[in-house]
Amino acid sequence: MRKITMPTAVLIGAGPGLGIAMARRFGRGGYKIALVSRNPDRHHDALRELAGLGIEAAAFAADVRDTAGLGAALDEIERNFGGIDFVYYGPSPHNMTETQKPIDQITGADVEASMAMVHPAADVVARTLPGMLARKRGAFLFTSAISAVLPVPELGAMTVPAAAARSYAVTLNAALAKQGVFAGVLLIGGLINGSDIQTAMSSSGQSDDAYLLDPDRIADTAWDLVAKGKTPEALILPGRKGLGLTMLLTIRLLRVMKRSARSRSTR
């Protein structure tokens, strides 16, 4: 009898907010979980929680900015768990809690620094995609920000990697769609509750509860995005499970049309 093996999900940048929520959701869906972060010691509680849920999981150390170290971690995951079937790439920018210079004040150096977390995404894909193509199945999911599709000048240089990550994900999906591999992106339009960034902002009095996002609802959206493969992106807004970009643009168009109609009626 052929042995049936469980698929492996690698969660890169697995923090206490969305990272653990993704681990629970994909573990519940039948995946073995590999948590990857700069400090795997922080995952002791998460590993105990996952074990209590009957989910096989382990933590691995890697900084995405260290190409060799990240590659070694992926090799170790394959030795322990077998082929990698799903990769979630969501490391937090190191300077996200710092005050950002407005977009009209940034320099090329600011943009270069802001891209530090985007470049490794291509390295991860280059390392794991061949195995997925050989098996004719697999998925990648990246995170970006609402500034990738809507202007947020206050975020300054951080808007550049947001747009780059989204463009990379949807274009990669177009290239892989007929080869059995999916690529998608979550466009985050708020603060993820329990995340490192939200915790830091809350402690400094900068967090606004009106913009908090439930990580478990985001994880459910991520699961649907990967499982259904109908669209490569979803916009995550407070109070909503997940909103497709097409729907967002349609809503904006309808609002413009309504304002235009009201303007004409008052002339």
C-alpha atoms as a PDB file:
ATOM      1  CA  MET A   1       0.000   0.000   0.000  1.00  0.00           C
ATOM      2  CA  ARG A   2       1.317   3.429  -0.938  1.00  0.00           C
ATOM      3  CA  LYS A   3       2.088   5.583   2.069  1.00  0.00           C
ATOM      4  CA  ILE A   4       0.080   8.799   2.142  1.00  0.00           C
ATOM      5  CA  THR A   5       2.151  11.736   3.355  1.00  0.00           C
ATOM      6  CA  MET A   6       0.790  14.993   4.704  1.00  0.00           C
ATOM      7  CA  PRO A   7       1.703  18.161   2.807  1.00  0.00           C
ATOM      8  CA  THR A   8       4.097  20.655   4.370  1.00  0.00           C
ATOM      9  CA  ALA A   9       3.394  24.345   4.963  1.00  0.00           C
ATOM     10  CA  VAL A  10       6.343  26.684   5.563  1.00  0.00           C
ATOM     11  CA  LEU A  11       5.417  29.922   7.330  1.00  0.00           C
ATOM     12  CA  ILE A  12       8.211  32.486   6.969  1.00  0.00           C
ATOM     13  CA  GLY A  13       8.050  35.397   9.391  1.00  0.00           C
ATOM     14  CA  ALA A  14       5.685  33.483  11.645  1.00  0.00           C
ATOM     15  CA  GLY A  15       4.847  35.966  14.388  1.00  0.00           C
ATOM     16  CA  PRO A  16       2.344  35.848  17.259  1.00  0.00           C
ATOM     17  CA  GLY A  17      -0.500  37.394  15.243  1.00  0.00           C
ATOM     18  CA  LEU A  18      -1.118  36.135  11.725  1.00  0.00           C
ATOM     19  CA  GLY A  19       1.685  33.563  11.776  1.00  0.00           C
ATOM     20  CA  ILE A  20       0.187  31.382  14.503  1.00  0.00           C
ATOM     21  CA  ALA A  21      -3.312  31.871  13.062  1.00  0.00           C
ATOM     22  CA  MET A  22      -2.051  30.598   9.688  1.00  0.00           C
ATOM     23  CA  ALA A  23      -0.426  27.652  11.468  1.00  0.00           C
ATOM     24  CA  ARG A  24      -3.704  26.714  13.134  1.00  0.00           C
ATOM     25  CA  ARG A  25      -5.734  27.055   9.928  1.00  0.00           C
ATOM     26  CA  PHE A  26      -3.407  25.165   7.626  1.00  0.00           C
ATOM     27  CA  GLY A  27      -2.665  22.600  10.307  1.00  0.00           C
ATOM     28  CA  ARG A  28      -6.394  22.029  10.656  1.00  0.00           C
ATOM     29  CA  GLY A  29      -6.471  21.582   6.886  1.00  0.00           C
ATOM     30  CA  GLY A  30      -4.030  18.684   7.061  1.00  0.00           C
ATOM     31  CA  TYR A  31      -0.610  20.351   6.715  1.00  0.00           C
ATOM     32  CA  LYS A  32       2.522  19.777   8.755  1.00  0.00           C
ATOM     33  CA  ILE A  33       3.747  23.195   9.891  1.00  0.00           C
ATOM     34  CA  ALA A  34       7.261  24.654   9.759  1.00  0.00           C
ATOM     35  CA  LEU A  35       7.525  27.975  11.593  1.00  0.00           C
ATOM     36  CA  VAL A  36      10.443  30.117  10.392  1.00  0.00           C
ATOM     37  CA  SER A  37      11.639  33.281  12.131  1.00  0.00           C
ATOM     38  CA  ARG A  38      14.827  34.962  13.287  1.00  0.00           C
ATOM     39  CA  ASN A  39      14.291  33.624  16.807  1.00  0.00           C
ATOM     40  CA  PRO A  40      12.584  30.201  16.896  1.00  0.00           C
ATOM     41  CA  ASP A  41      12.767  30.171  20.712  1.00  0.00           C
ATOM     42  CA  ARG A  42       9.778  32.525  20.740  1.00  0.00           C
ATOM     43  CA  HIS A  43       7.628  29.695  19.290  1.00  0.00           C
ATOM     44  CA  HIS A  44       7.571  27.428  22.360  1.00  0.00           C
ATOM     45  CA  ASP A  45       4.011  28.420  23.294  1.00  0.00           C
ATOM     46  CA  ALA A  46       2.861  28.161  19.671  1.00  0.00           C
ATOM     47  CA  LEU A  47       4.353  24.677  19.308  1.00  0.00           C
ATOM     48  CA  ARG A  48       2.632  23.546  22.513  1.00  0.00           C
ATOM     49  CA  GLU A  49      -0.674  24.945  21.266  1.00  0.00           C
ATOM     50  CA  LEU A  50      -0.326  23.252  17.890  1.00  0.00           C
ATOM     51  CA  ALA A  51       0.636  19.944  19.514  1.00  0.00           C
ATOM     52  CA  GLY A  52      -2.468  20.201  21.674  1.00  0.00           C
ATOM     53  CA  LEU A  53      -4.520  20.547  18.497  1.00  0.00           C
ATOM     54  CA  GLY A  54      -2.900  17.431  17.038  1.00  0.00           C
ATOM     55  CA  ILE A  55      -0.878  19.428  14.500  1.00  0.00           C
ATOM     56  CA  GLU A  56       2.677  18.327  13.715  1.00  0.00           C
ATOM     57  CA  ALA A  57       4.929  21.394  13.835  1.00  0.00           C
ATOM     58  CA  ALA A  58       8.510  22.500  14.357  1.00  0.00           C
ATOM     59  CA  ALA A  59      10.389  25.820  14.498  1.00  0.00           C
ATOM     60  CA  PHE A  60      13.408  26.778  12.409  1.00  0.00           C
ATOM     61  CA  ALA A  61      15.796  29.737  12.619  1.00  0.00           C
ATOM     62  CA  ALA A  62      16.434  31.999   9.634  1.00  0.00           C
ATOM     63  CA  ASP A  63      16.653  35.697   8.823  1.00  0.00           C
ATOM     64  CA  VAL A  64      15.228  36.314   5.352  1.00  0.00           C
ATOM     65  CA  ARG A  65      18.016  38.824   4.685  1.00  0.00           C
ATOM     66  CA  ASP A  66      20.569  36.000   5.055  1.00  0.00           C
ATOM     67  CA  THR A  67      20.219  34.137   1.746  1.00  0.00           C
ATOM     68  CA  ALA A  68      22.476  31.249   2.734  1.00  0.00           C
ATOM     69  CA  GLY A  69      20.883  30.867   6.149  1.00  0.00           C
ATOM     70  CA  LEU A  70      17.372  30.913   4.723  1.00  0.00           C
ATOM     71  CA  GLY A  71      18.320  28.310   2.125  1.00  0.00           C
ATOM     72  CA  ALA A  72      19.810  26.107   4.847  1.00  0.00           C
ATOM     73  CA  ALA A  73      16.587  26.364   6.874  1.00  0.00           C
ATOM     74  CA  LEU A  74      14.510  25.321   3.856  1.00  0.00           C
ATOM     75  CA  ASP A  75      16.872  22.371   3.285  1.00  0.00           C
ATOM     76  CA  GLU A  76      16.452  21.343   6.924  1.00  0.00           C
ATOM     77  CA  ILE A  77      12.668  21.557   6.630  1.00  0.00           C
ATOM     78  CA  GLU A  78      12.725  19.265   3.595  1.00  0.00           C
ATOM     79  CA  ARG A  79      14.934  16.771   5.444  1.00  0.00           C
ATOM     80  CA  ASN A  80      12.525  16.734   8.387  1.00  0.00           C
ATOM     81  CA  PHE A  81       9.154  17.079   6.661  1.00  0.00           C
ATOM     82  CA  GLY A  82       9.683  16.173   2.994  1.00  0.00           C
ATOM     83  CA  GLY A  83       8.764  18.329  -0.002  1.00  0.00           C
ATOM     84  CA  ILE A  84       7.453  21.847   0.607  1.00  0.00           C
ATOM     85  CA  ASP A  85       3.892  22.268  -0.682  1.00  0.00           C
ATOM     86  CA  PHE A  86       2.886  25.702   0.612  1.00  0.00           C
ATOM     87  CA  VAL A  87       4.933  28.780   1.473  1.00  0.00           C
ATOM     88  CA  TYR A  88       3.550  31.761   3.364  1.00  0.00           C
ATOM     89  CA  TYR A  89       5.931  34.719   3.181  1.00  0.00           C
ATOM     90  CA  GLY A  90       5.066  37.433   5.674  1.00  0.00           C
ATOM     91  CA  PRO A  91       8.082  38.822   7.543  1.00  0.00           C
ATOM     92  CA  SER A  92       7.524  42.169   9.215  1.00  0.00           C
ATOM     93  CA  PRO A  93       9.592  45.166   8.103  1.00  0.00           C
ATOM     94  CA  HIS A  94      12.181  45.946  10.782  1.00  0.00           C
ATOM     95  CA  ASN A  95      11.409  49.675  10.782  1.00  0.00           C
ATOM     96  CA  MET A  96       7.629  49.575  10.513  1.00  0.00           C
ATOM     97  CA  THR A  97       7.079  51.083  13.959  1.00  0.00           C
ATOM     98  CA  GLU A  98       9.354  54.014  13.171  1.00  0.00           C
ATOM     99  CA  THR A  99       7.975  57.284  11.854  1.00  0.00           C
ATOM    100  CA  GLN A 100       7.918  57.158   8.052  1.00  0.00           C
ATOM    101  CA  LYS A 101       8.926  60.143   5.951  1.00  0.00           C
ATOM    102  CA  PRO A 102       6.106  61.285   3.632  1.00  0.00           C
ATOM    103  CA  ILE A 103       6.354  60.143   0.022  1.00  0.00           C
ATOM    104  CA  ASP A 104       7.485  63.580  -1.196  1.00  0.00           C
ATOM    105  CA  GLN A 105      10.487  63.533   1.167  1.00  0.00           C
ATOM    106  CA  ILE A 106      12.012  60.118   0.483  1.00  0.00           C
ATOM    107  CA  THR A 107      15.276  59.382  -1.312  1.00  0.00           C
ATOM    108  CA  GLY A 108      16.587  56.442  -3.315  1.00  0.00           C
ATOM    109  CA  ALA A 109      18.349  55.195  -0.179  1.00  0.00           C
ATOM    110  CA  ASP A 110      15.020  55.101   1.660  1.00  0.00           C
ATOM    111  CA  VAL A 111      13.462  53.046  -1.131  1.00  0.00           C
ATOM    112  CA  GLU A 112      16.419  50.665  -1.225  1.00  0.00           C
ATOM    113  CA  ALA A 113      16.163  50.063   2.522  1.00  0.00           C
ATOM    114  CA  SER A 114      12.401  49.530   2.339  1.00  0.00           C
ATOM    115  CA  MET A 115      12.848  46.742  -0.253  1.00  0.00           C
ATOM    116  CA  ALA A 116      14.927  44.585   2.094  1.00  0.00           C
ATOM    117  CA  MET A 117      12.044  42.192   2.784  1.00  0.00           C
ATOM    118  CA  VAL A 118      10.912  41.877  -0.840  1.00  0.00           C
ATOM    119  CA  HIS A 119      14.083  40.604  -2.487  1.00  0.00           C
ATOM    120  CA  PRO A 120      14.235  37.401  -0.375  1.00  0.00           C
ATOM    121  CA  ALA A 121      10.756  36.429  -1.560  1.00  0.00           C
ATOM    122  CA  ALA A 122      12.172  35.723  -5.009  1.00  0.00           C
ATOM    123  CA  ASP A 123      14.948  33.622  -3.428  1.00  0.00           C
ATOM    124  CA  VAL A 124      12.363  31.547  -1.570  1.00  0.00           C
ATOM    125  CA  VAL A 125      10.391  30.961  -4.751  1.00  0.00           C
ATOM    126  CA  ALA A 126      13.520  30.039  -6.707  1.00  0.00           C
ATOM    127  CA  ARG A 127      14.425  27.506  -4.002  1.00  0.00           C
ATOM    128  CA  THR A 128      11.013  25.851  -3.557  1.00  0.00           C
ATOM    129  CA  LEU A 129       9.266  26.219  -6.922  1.00  0.00           C
ATOM    130  CA  PRO A 130      11.138  23.430  -8.787  1.00  0.00           C
ATOM    131  CA  GLY A 131       9.822  20.816  -6.355  1.00  0.00           C
ATOM    132  CA  MET A 132       6.271  22.109  -6.667  1.00  0.00           C
ATOM    133  CA  LEU A 133       6.467  22.052 -10.460  1.00  0.00           C
ATOM    134  CA  ALA A 134       7.823  18.502 -10.380  1.00  0.00           C
ATOM    135  CA  ARG A 135       4.858  17.427  -8.226  1.00  0.00           C
ATOM    136  CA  LYS A 136       2.467  19.666 -10.226  1.00  0.00           C
ATOM    137  CA  ARG A 137       1.006  21.163  -7.066  1.00  0.00           C
ATOM    138  CA  GLY A 138       1.855  23.858  -4.574  1.00  0.00           C
ATOM    139  CA  ALA A 139       1.124  27.409  -3.519  1.00  0.00           C
ATOM    140  CA  PHE A 140       2.760  30.646  -2.434  1.00  0.00           C
ATOM    141  CA  LEU A 141       1.064  33.365  -0.431  1.00  0.00           C
ATOM    142  CA  PHE A 142       2.608  36.765   0.243  1.00  0.00           C
ATOM    143  CA  THR A 143       1.503  39.687   2.383  1.00  0.00           C
ATOM    144  CA  SER A 144       1.400  43.295   1.293  1.00  0.00           C
ATOM    145  CA  ALA A 145      -0.436  46.432   2.361  1.00  0.00           C
ATOM    146  CA  ILE A 146      -3.436  48.393   1.178  1.00  0.00           C
ATOM    147  CA  SER A 147      -1.004  51.045  -0.080  1.00  0.00           C
ATOM    148  CA  ALA A 148      -0.239  48.676  -2.964  1.00  0.00           C
ATOM    149  CA  VAL A 149      -3.586  49.629  -4.539  1.00  0.00           C
ATOM    150  CA  LEU A 150      -4.711  52.805  -2.735  1.00  0.00           C
ATOM    151  CA  PRO A 151      -2.585  55.924  -2.074  1.00  0.00           C
ATOM    152  CA  VAL A 152      -1.299  56.228   1.500  1.00  0.00           C
ATOM    153  CA  PRO A 153       1.307  59.036   1.220  1.00  0.00           C
ATOM    154  CA  GLU A 154       2.109  58.928   4.930  1.00  0.00           C
ATOM    155  CA  LEU A 155       3.768  55.513   4.539  1.00  0.00           C
ATOM    156  CA  GLY A 156       6.441  57.038   2.331  1.00  0.00           C
ATOM    157  CA  ALA A 157       9.004  54.554   1.050  1.00  0.00           C
ATOM    158  CA  MET A 158       7.045  51.591   2.454  1.00  0.00           C
ATOM    159  CA  THR A 159       4.495  52.022  -0.346  1.00  0.00           C
ATOM    160  CA  VAL A 160       7.121  50.890  -2.864  1.00  0.00           C
ATOM    161  CA  PRO A 161       7.680  47.343  -1.519  1.00  0.00           C
ATOM    162  CA  ALA A 162       3.924  47.002  -0.982  1.00  0.00           C
ATOM    163  CA  ALA A 163       3.290  47.587  -4.677  1.00  0.00           C
ATOM    164  CA  ALA A 164       6.266  45.443  -5.657  1.00  0.00           C
ATOM    165  CA  ALA A 165       5.108  42.486  -3.540  1.00  0.00           C
ATOM    166  CA  ARG A 166       1.606  42.619  -4.987  1.00  0.00           C
ATOM    167  CA  SER A 167       2.843  42.896  -8.561  1.00  0.00           C
ATOM    168  CA  TYR A 168       5.275  40.026  -8.051  1.00  0.00           C
ATOM    169  CA  ALA A 169       2.588  37.750  -6.580  1.00  0.00           C
ATOM    170  CA  VAL A 170      -0.112  38.317  -9.193  1.00  0.00           C
ATOM    171  CA  THR A 171       2.367  38.136 -12.083  1.00  0.00           C
ATOM    172  CA  LEU A 172       3.887  34.953 -10.689  1.00  0.00           C
ATOM    173  CA  ASN A 173       0.400  33.484 -10.473  1.00  0.00           C
ATOM    174  CA  ALA A 174      -0.238  34.330 -14.125  1.00  0.00           C
ATOM    175  CA  ALA A 175       2.953  32.520 -15.075  1.00  0.00           C
ATOM    176  CA  LEU A 176       2.210  29.418 -12.987  1.00  0.00           C
ATOM    177  CA  ALA A 177      -1.577  29.124 -13.305  1.00  0.00           C
ATOM    178  CA  LYS A 178      -1.439  26.378 -15.956  1.00  0.00           C
ATOM    179  CA  GLN A 179       1.298  24.436 -14.169  1.00  0.00           C
ATOM    180  CA  GLY A 180      -0.624  23.477 -11.038  1.00  0.00           C
ATOM    181  CA  VAL A 181       0.994  26.064  -8.751  1.00  0.00           C
ATOM    182  CA  PHE A 182      -0.836  29.038  -7.224  1.00  0.00           C
ATOM    183  CA  ALA A 183       0.562  32.389  -6.072  1.00  0.00           C
ATOM    184  CA  GLY A 184      -1.459  34.980  -4.216  1.00  0.00           C
ATOM    185  CA  VAL A 185      -1.251  38.007  -1.961  1.00  0.00           C
ATOM    186  CA  LEU A 186      -3.112  39.336   1.073  1.00  0.00           C
ATOM    187  CA  LEU A 187      -3.446  43.132   1.002  1.00  0.00           C
ATOM    188  CA  ILE A 188      -3.631  44.099   4.657  1.00  0.00           C
ATOM    189  CA  GLY A 189      -5.706  47.200   5.366  1.00  0.00           C
ATOM    190  CA  GLY A 190      -5.233  47.578   9.105  1.00  0.00           C
ATOM    191  CA  LEU A 191      -3.304  46.389  12.163  1.00  0.00           C
ATOM    192  CA  ILE A 192      -3.295  42.657  12.859  1.00  0.00           C
ATOM    193  CA  ASN A 193      -4.355  42.081  16.451  1.00  0.00           C
ATOM    194  CA  GLY A 194      -1.604  40.505  18.529  1.00  0.00           C
ATOM    195  CA  SER A 195       1.124  41.110  15.948  1.00  0.00           C
ATOM    196  CA  ASP A 196       4.523  42.493  16.915  1.00  0.00           C
ATOM    197  CA  ILE A 197       3.743  45.767  15.144  1.00  0.00           C
ATOM    198  CA  GLN A 198       0.347  46.170  16.794  1.00  0.00           C
ATOM    199  CA  THR A 199       1.795  45.371  20.220  1.00  0.00           C
ATOM    200  CA  ALA A 200       4.594  47.918  19.772  1.00  0.00           C
ATOM    201  CA  MET A 201       2.199  50.598  18.536  1.00  0.00           C
ATOM    202  CA  SER A 202      -0.265  49.872  21.322  1.00  0.00           C
ATOM    203  CA  SER A 203       2.429  50.230  23.989  1.00  0.00           C
ATOM    204  CA  SER A 204       3.336  53.637  22.560  1.00  0.00           C
ATOM    205  CA  GLY A 205      -0.304  54.729  22.325  1.00  0.00           C
ATOM    206  CA  GLN A 206      -0.395  54.687  18.516  1.00  0.00           C
ATOM    207  CA  SER A 207      -2.762  51.718  17.987  1.00  0.00           C
ATOM    208  CA  ASP A 208      -6.362  52.448  16.980  1.00  0.00           C
ATOM    209  CA  ASP A 209      -8.870  49.684  17.757  1.00  0.00           C
ATOM    210  CA  ALA A 210     -11.017  50.790  14.810  1.00  0.00           C
ATOM    211  CA  TYR A 211      -8.349  49.416  12.476  1.00  0.00           C
ATOM    212  CA  LEU A 212      -7.696  46.103  14.233  1.00  0.00           C
ATOM    213  CA  LEU A 213      -7.914  42.937  12.154  1.00  0.00           C
ATOM    214  CA  ASP A 214      -8.709  39.462  13.466  1.00  0.00           C
ATOM    215  CA  PRO A 215      -5.806  37.149  12.484  1.00  0.00           C
ATOM    216  CA  ASP A 216      -8.025  34.058  12.459  1.00  0.00           C
ATOM    217  CA  ARG A 217     -10.366  35.656   9.933  1.00  0.00           C
ATOM    218  CA  ILE A 218      -7.390  36.588   7.770  1.00  0.00           C
ATOM    219  CA  ALA A 219      -6.150  32.998   7.989  1.00  0.00           C
ATOM    220  CA  ASP A 220      -9.568  31.755   6.864  1.00  0.00           C
ATOM    221  CA  THR A 221      -9.368  34.106   3.879  1.00  0.00           C
ATOM    222  CA  ALA A 222      -5.862  32.838   3.123  1.00  0.00           C
ATOM    223  CA  TRP A 223      -7.102  29.246   3.179  1.00  0.00           C
ATOM    224  CA  ASP A 224      -9.973  30.056   0.817  1.00  0.00           C
ATOM    225  CA  LEU A 225      -7.644  31.958  -1.520  1.00  0.00           C
ATOM    226  CA  VAL A 226      -5.245  29.014  -1.800  1.00  0.00           C
ATOM    227  CA  ALA A 227      -7.856  26.247  -1.805  1.00  0.00           C
ATOM    228  CA  LYS A 228     -10.096  27.792  -4.451  1.00  0.00           C
ATOM    229  CA  GLY A 229      -7.461  29.513  -6.564  1.00  0.00           C
ATOM    230  CA  LYS A 230     -10.054  31.730  -8.240  1.00  0.00           C
ATOM    231  CA  THR A 231      -8.315  35.048  -7.615  1.00  0.00           C
ATOM    232  CA  PRO A 232      -4.705  35.816  -6.692  1.00  0.00           C
ATOM    233  CA  GLU A 233      -5.476  38.563  -4.195  1.00  0.00           C
ATOM    234  CA  ALA A 234      -7.761  39.598  -1.391  1.00  0.00           C
ATOM    235  CA  LEU A 235      -8.040  42.917   0.394  1.00  0.00           C
ATOM    236  CA  ILE A 236      -8.400  42.580   4.161  1.00  0.00           C
ATOM    237  CA  LEU A 237     -10.336  45.389   5.837  1.00  0.00           C
ATOM    238  CA  PRO A 238     -11.655  45.814   9.407  1.00  0.00           C
ATOM    239  CA  GLY A 239     -15.022  44.117   9.820  1.00  0.00           C
ATOM    240  CA  ARG A 240     -14.675  42.065   6.640  1.00  0.00           C
ATOM    241  CA  LYS A 241     -13.403  38.523   6.148  1.00  0.00           C
ATOM    242  CA  GLY A 242     -11.814  39.313   2.823  1.00  0.00           C
ATOM    243  CA  LEU A 243     -12.676  41.580  -0.075  1.00  0.00           C
ATOM    244  CA  GLY A 244     -11.584  40.896  -3.614  1.00  0.00           C
ATOM    245  CA  LEU A 245      -9.800  43.725  -5.374  1.00  0.00           C
ATOM    246  CA  THR A 246     -12.284  43.639  -8.238  1.00  0.00           C
ATOM    247  CA  MET A 247     -15.094  44.140  -5.726  1.00  0.00           C
ATOM    248  CA  LEU A 248     -13.224  47.029  -4.113  1.00  0.00           C
ATOM    249  CA  LEU A 249     -12.712  48.812  -7.411  1.00  0.00           C
ATOM    250  CA  THR A 250     -16.355  48.211  -8.337  1.00  0.00           C
ATOM    251  CA  ILE A 251     -17.489  49.777  -5.066  1.00  0.00           C
ATOM    252  CA  ARG A 252     -15.252  52.800  -5.653  1.00  0.00           C
ATOM    253  CA  LEU A 253     -16.593  53.172  -9.205  1.00  0.00           C
ATOM    254  CA  LEU A 254     -20.193  53.053  -7.977  1.00  0.00           C
ATOM    255  CA  ARG A 255     -19.436  55.733  -5.390  1.00  0.00           C
ATOM    256  CA  VAL A 256     -17.898  57.966  -8.049  1.00  0.00           C
ATOM    257  CA  MET A 257     -20.937  57.442 -10.280  1.00  0.00           C
ATOM    258  CA  LYS A 258     -23.301  58.323  -7.425  1.00  0.00           C
ATOM    259  CA  ARG A 259     -21.388  61.494  -6.583  1.00  0.00           C
ATOM    260  CA  SER A 260     -21.382  62.439 -10.252  1.00  0.00           C
ATOM    261  CA  ALA A 261     -25.142  61.864 -10.487  1.00  0.00           C
ATOM    262  CA  ARG A 262     -25.779  64.007  -7.398  1.00  0.00           C
ATOM    263  CA  SER A 263     -23.585  66.749  -8.820  1.00  0.00           C
ATOM    264  CA  ARG A 264     -25.527  66.798 -12.070  1.00  0.00           C
ATOM    265  CA  SER A 265     -28.863  66.867 -10.255  1.00  0.00           C
ATOM    266  CA  THR A 266     -27.910  70.015  -8.320  1.00  0.00           C
ATOM    267  CA  ARG A 267     -26.832  72.002 -11.353  1.00  0.00           C
END
